[in-house]
Amino acid sequence: MVQIGFHHFPVTGSVTIPSTASTGSTRMRVMMQYNAIPSSSCGSYTYGQVEDYTVNIVSSGRADVTGTKDLLTDIKLYPNPAKDILYISNSTNEDYRIFDMGGKLINSGKLERGSVNVSSLIKGAYMIQIGEVSRRFIKN
């Protein structure tokens, strides 16, 4: 769900990321035209607005694996919300990256015995990426 304010008019819409999208940073162009749907990404019209955003595409954790079960797709975070230590099931010393909900990289490192210290994060919602798997968690 994306909510963007255009001159005091909040607009809400859904964005579907194609399964073929590459992970990493990319540009998302949002266009709004008064009383119409914009017909192209570079059109010309009297009333409207165009804004570009950088979004960070992360893996959903779903993978097509034939004949084997990837334990990382079964990871669970606990406690969630977390205060100081976030534990990750089915993991030990994997690399992790923590992003804010805007896609900005906040922290990274190696898990220590299946956990990460989140005490320095401010309260809010975050995404943790372990390998190609991402999960949402709340910091209290």
C-alpha atoms as a PDB file:
ATOM      1  CA  MET A   1       0.000   0.000   0.000  1.00  0.00           C
ATOM      2  CA  VAL A   2       1.373   3.377  -0.969  1.00  0.00           C
ATOM      3  CA  GLN A   3       0.046   6.678   0.383  1.00  0.00           C
ATOM      4  CA  ILE A   4       1.303   9.866  -1.206  1.00  0.00           C
ATOM      5  CA  GLY A   5       0.130  13.429  -0.659  1.00  0.00           C
ATOM      6  CA  PHE A   6      -0.403  15.572  -3.756  1.00  0.00           C
ATOM      7  CA  HIS A   7      -0.997  19.186  -2.713  1.00  0.00           C
ATOM      8  CA  HIS A   8      -3.041  18.298   0.391  1.00  0.00           C
ATOM      9  CA  PHE A   9      -4.946  15.507  -1.353  1.00  0.00           C
ATOM     10  CA  PRO A  10      -3.842  12.152   0.064  1.00  0.00           C
ATOM     11  CA  VAL A  11      -4.018   9.378  -2.499  1.00  0.00           C
ATOM     12  CA  THR A  12      -3.840   5.687  -1.646  1.00  0.00           C
ATOM     13  CA  GLY A  13      -3.171   2.895  -4.103  1.00  0.00           C
ATOM     14  CA  SER A  14      -1.705  -0.558  -4.355  1.00  0.00           C
ATOM     15  CA  VAL A  15       1.503  -1.441  -6.146  1.00  0.00           C
ATOM     16  CA  THR A  16       2.080  -4.989  -7.330  1.00  0.00           C
ATOM     17  CA  ILE A  17       5.738  -5.902  -7.724  1.00  0.00           C
ATOM     18  CA  PRO A  18       6.173  -8.352 -10.639  1.00  0.00           C
ATOM     19  CA  SER A  19       7.707 -11.704  -9.670  1.00  0.00           C
ATOM     20  CA  THR A  20      10.359 -11.060 -12.351  1.00  0.00           C
ATOM     21  CA  ALA A  21      11.539  -7.808 -10.695  1.00  0.00           C
ATOM     22  CA  SER A  22      15.200  -7.698  -9.701  1.00  0.00           C
ATOM     23  CA  THR A  23      16.017  -7.068  -6.051  1.00  0.00           C
ATOM     24  CA  GLY A  24      17.690  -3.794  -5.113  1.00  0.00           C
ATOM     25  CA  SER A  25      16.977  -0.091  -5.583  1.00  0.00           C
ATOM     26  CA  THR A  26      14.880   1.074  -8.521  1.00  0.00           C
ATOM     27  CA  ARG A  27      12.791   4.089  -9.528  1.00  0.00           C
ATOM     28  CA  MET A  28       9.020   4.216  -9.110  1.00  0.00           C
ATOM     29  CA  ARG A  29       7.214   7.021 -10.946  1.00  0.00           C
ATOM     30  CA  VAL A  30       3.876   8.119  -9.517  1.00  0.00           C
ATOM     31  CA  MET A  31       1.640  10.272 -11.722  1.00  0.00           C
ATOM     32  CA  MET A  32      -1.645  11.952 -11.010  1.00  0.00           C
ATOM     33  CA  GLN A  33      -3.772  13.829 -13.515  1.00  0.00           C
ATOM     34  CA  TYR A  34      -6.885  15.804 -12.616  1.00  0.00           C
ATOM     35  CA  ASN A  35     -10.066  13.957 -13.563  1.00  0.00           C
ATOM     36  CA  ALA A  36      -8.238  11.410 -15.762  1.00  0.00           C
ATOM     37  CA  ILE A  37      -5.705   8.615 -15.810  1.00  0.00           C
ATOM     38  CA  PRO A  38      -2.315   9.654 -17.271  1.00  0.00           C
ATOM     39  CA  SER A  39      -1.759   7.948 -20.617  1.00  0.00           C
ATOM     40  CA  SER A  40       2.063   7.860 -20.590  1.00  0.00           C
ATOM     41  CA  SER A  41       4.974   8.303 -18.187  1.00  0.00           C
ATOM     42  CA  CYS A  42       6.083  11.529 -19.908  1.00  0.00           C
ATOM     43  CA  GLY A  43       2.830  13.181 -20.907  1.00  0.00           C
ATOM     44  CA  SER A  44       1.800  16.815 -20.850  1.00  0.00           C
ATOM     45  CA  TYR A  45      -1.378  17.989 -19.135  1.00  0.00           C
ATOM     46  CA  THR A  46      -2.752  21.101 -17.423  1.00  0.00           C
ATOM     47  CA  TYR A  47      -3.458  19.825 -13.883  1.00  0.00           C
ATOM     48  CA  GLY A  48      -1.478  17.029 -12.295  1.00  0.00           C
ATOM     49  CA  GLN A  49       1.783  16.007 -10.746  1.00  0.00           C
ATOM     50  CA  VAL A  50       4.622  13.546 -11.330  1.00  0.00           C
ATOM     51  CA  GLU A  51       6.956  12.352  -8.571  1.00  0.00           C
ATOM     52  CA  ASP A  52       9.806   9.828  -8.682  1.00  0.00           C
ATOM     53  CA  TYR A  53      10.668   7.679  -5.676  1.00  0.00           C
ATOM     54  CA  THR A  54      13.499   5.260  -5.014  1.00  0.00           C
ATOM     55  CA  VAL A  55      12.182   1.931  -3.753  1.00  0.00           C
ATOM     56  CA  ASN A  56      14.166  -1.033  -2.485  1.00  0.00           C
ATOM     57  CA  ILE A  57      12.846  -4.348  -3.828  1.00  0.00           C
ATOM     58  CA  VAL A  58      13.550  -7.202  -1.409  1.00  0.00           C
ATOM     59  CA  SER A  59      12.831 -10.881  -1.779  1.00  0.00           C
ATOM     60  CA  SER A  60       9.483 -12.123  -0.488  1.00  0.00           C
ATOM     61  CA  GLY A  61      11.129 -15.313   0.701  1.00  0.00           C
ATOM     62  CA  ARG A  62       9.100 -17.473  -1.649  1.00  0.00           C
ATOM     63  CA  ALA A  63      11.150 -19.700  -3.869  1.00  0.00           C
ATOM     64  CA  ASP A  64      10.559 -22.565  -6.250  1.00  0.00           C
ATOM     65  CA  VAL A  65      12.737 -25.304  -4.860  1.00  0.00           C
ATOM     66  CA  THR A  66      12.168 -28.770  -6.261  1.00  0.00           C
ATOM     67  CA  GLY A  67      12.875 -31.812  -4.094  1.00  0.00           C
ATOM     68  CA  THR A  68      14.403 -29.935  -1.122  1.00  0.00           C
ATOM     69  CA  LYS A  69      13.125 -27.771   1.667  1.00  0.00           C
ATOM     70  CA  ASP A  70      14.960 -24.534   2.327  1.00  0.00           C
ATOM     71  CA  LEU A  71      14.943 -23.954   6.097  1.00  0.00           C
ATOM     72  CA  LEU A  72      15.398 -20.206   5.664  1.00  0.00           C
ATOM     73  CA  THR A  73      11.942 -19.908   4.103  1.00  0.00           C
ATOM     74  CA  ASP A  74      10.546 -21.188   7.421  1.00  0.00           C
ATOM     75  CA  ILE A  75      12.194 -18.583   9.640  1.00  0.00           C
ATOM     76  CA  LYS A  76      10.199 -17.036  12.450  1.00  0.00           C
ATOM     77  CA  LEU A  77      11.037 -13.916  14.458  1.00  0.00           C
ATOM     78  CA  TYR A  78      10.457 -13.756  18.202  1.00  0.00           C
ATOM     79  CA  PRO A  79       9.588 -11.924  20.293  1.00  0.00           C
ATOM     80  CA  ASN A  80       7.814  -9.685  17.855  1.00  0.00           C
ATOM     81  CA  PRO A  81       7.568  -6.859  18.918  1.00  0.00           C
ATOM     82  CA  ALA A  82      11.146  -6.978  20.209  1.00  0.00           C
ATOM     83  CA  LYS A  83      12.775  -4.729  22.781  1.00  0.00           C
ATOM     84  CA  ASP A  84      16.497  -5.604  22.834  1.00  0.00           C
ATOM     85  CA  ILE A  85      17.144  -9.002  21.202  1.00  0.00           C
ATOM     86  CA  LEU A  86      15.359 -10.399  18.145  1.00  0.00           C
ATOM     87  CA  TYR A  87      15.641 -14.178  17.778  1.00  0.00           C
ATOM     88  CA  ILE A  88      15.439 -15.862  14.386  1.00  0.00           C
ATOM     89  CA  SER A  89      14.444 -19.531  14.228  1.00  0.00           C
ATOM     90  CA  ASN A  90      16.183 -21.943  11.807  1.00  0.00           C
ATOM     91  CA  SER A  91      19.255 -19.728  11.512  1.00  0.00           C
ATOM     92  CA  THR A  92      22.645 -19.399  13.155  1.00  0.00           C
ATOM     93  CA  ASN A  93      25.396 -17.265  11.643  1.00  0.00           C
ATOM     94  CA  GLU A  94      23.832 -15.963   8.426  1.00  0.00           C
ATOM     95  CA  ASP A  95      24.310 -12.393   7.203  1.00  0.00           C
ATOM     96  CA  TYR A  96      21.429 -10.035   7.937  1.00  0.00           C
ATOM     97  CA  ARG A  97      20.351  -6.578   6.800  1.00  0.00           C
ATOM     98  CA  ILE A  98      17.761  -4.399   8.539  1.00  0.00           C
ATOM     99  CA  PHE A  99      15.793  -1.830   6.525  1.00  0.00           C
ATOM    100  CA  ASP A 100      13.334   0.820   7.658  1.00  0.00           C
ATOM    101  CA  MET A 101       9.926   0.711   5.980  1.00  0.00           C
ATOM    102  CA  GLY A 102      11.146   3.276   3.434  1.00  0.00           C
ATOM    103  CA  GLY A 103      13.762   0.788   2.209  1.00  0.00           C
ATOM    104  CA  LYS A 104      16.773   2.536   3.799  1.00  0.00           C
ATOM    105  CA  LEU A 105      19.479   0.186   5.095  1.00  0.00           C
ATOM    106  CA  ILE A 106      19.705   0.745   8.870  1.00  0.00           C
ATOM    107  CA  ASN A 107      22.012  -2.054  10.083  1.00  0.00           C
ATOM    108  CA  SER A 108      23.778  -5.162   8.826  1.00  0.00           C
ATOM    109  CA  GLY A 109      26.052  -7.893  10.110  1.00  0.00           C
ATOM    110  CA  LYS A 110      26.123 -11.579  11.022  1.00  0.00           C
ATOM    111  CA  LEU A 111      23.566 -13.191  13.286  1.00  0.00           C
ATOM    112  CA  GLU A 112      25.046 -14.247  16.621  1.00  0.00           C
ATOM    113  CA  ARG A 113      23.650 -17.658  17.663  1.00  0.00           C
ATOM    114  CA  GLY A 114      20.440 -16.967  15.754  1.00  0.00           C
ATOM    115  CA  SER A 115      19.818 -13.507  17.214  1.00  0.00           C
ATOM    116  CA  VAL A 116      20.449  -9.830  16.555  1.00  0.00           C
ATOM    117  CA  ASN A 117      20.652  -6.973  19.056  1.00  0.00           C
ATOM    118  CA  VAL A 118      18.042  -4.347  18.099  1.00  0.00           C
ATOM    119  CA  SER A 119      18.273  -2.215  21.267  1.00  0.00           C
ATOM    120  CA  SER A 120      19.805   0.725  19.358  1.00  0.00           C
ATOM    121  CA  LEU A 121      16.880   0.958  16.898  1.00  0.00           C
ATOM    122  CA  ILE A 122      14.175   3.532  17.531  1.00  0.00           C
ATOM    123  CA  LYS A 123      10.615   2.286  18.046  1.00  0.00           C
ATOM    124  CA  GLY A 124       8.892   1.396  14.786  1.00  0.00           C
ATOM    125  CA  ALA A 125       8.462  -1.158  12.011  1.00  0.00           C
ATOM    126  CA  TYR A 126      11.425  -2.699  10.165  1.00  0.00           C
ATOM    127  CA  MET A 127      12.265  -5.404   7.634  1.00  0.00           C
ATOM    128  CA  ILE A 128      15.063  -7.879   8.315  1.00  0.00           C
ATOM    129  CA  GLN A 129      16.582  -9.703   5.350  1.00  0.00           C
ATOM    130  CA  ILE A 130      18.421 -12.959   6.000  1.00  0.00           C
ATOM    131  CA  GLY A 131      19.885 -14.303   2.774  1.00  0.00           C
ATOM    132  CA  GLU A 132      17.034 -13.890   0.300  1.00  0.00           C
ATOM    133  CA  VAL A 133      14.263 -14.053   2.938  1.00  0.00           C
ATOM    134  CA  SER A 134      12.668 -10.909   4.382  1.00  0.00           C
ATOM    135  CA  ARG A 135      10.437 -10.625   7.422  1.00  0.00           C
ATOM    136  CA  ARG A 136       8.755  -7.646   9.113  1.00  0.00           C
ATOM    137  CA  PHE A 137       9.258  -6.930  12.802  1.00  0.00           C
ATOM    138  CA  ILE A 138       8.363  -4.228  15.302  1.00  0.00           C
ATOM    139  CA  LYS A 139      10.851  -2.605  17.682  1.00  0.00           C
ATOM    140  CA  ASN A 140       9.347  -1.546  21.041  1.00  0.00           C
END
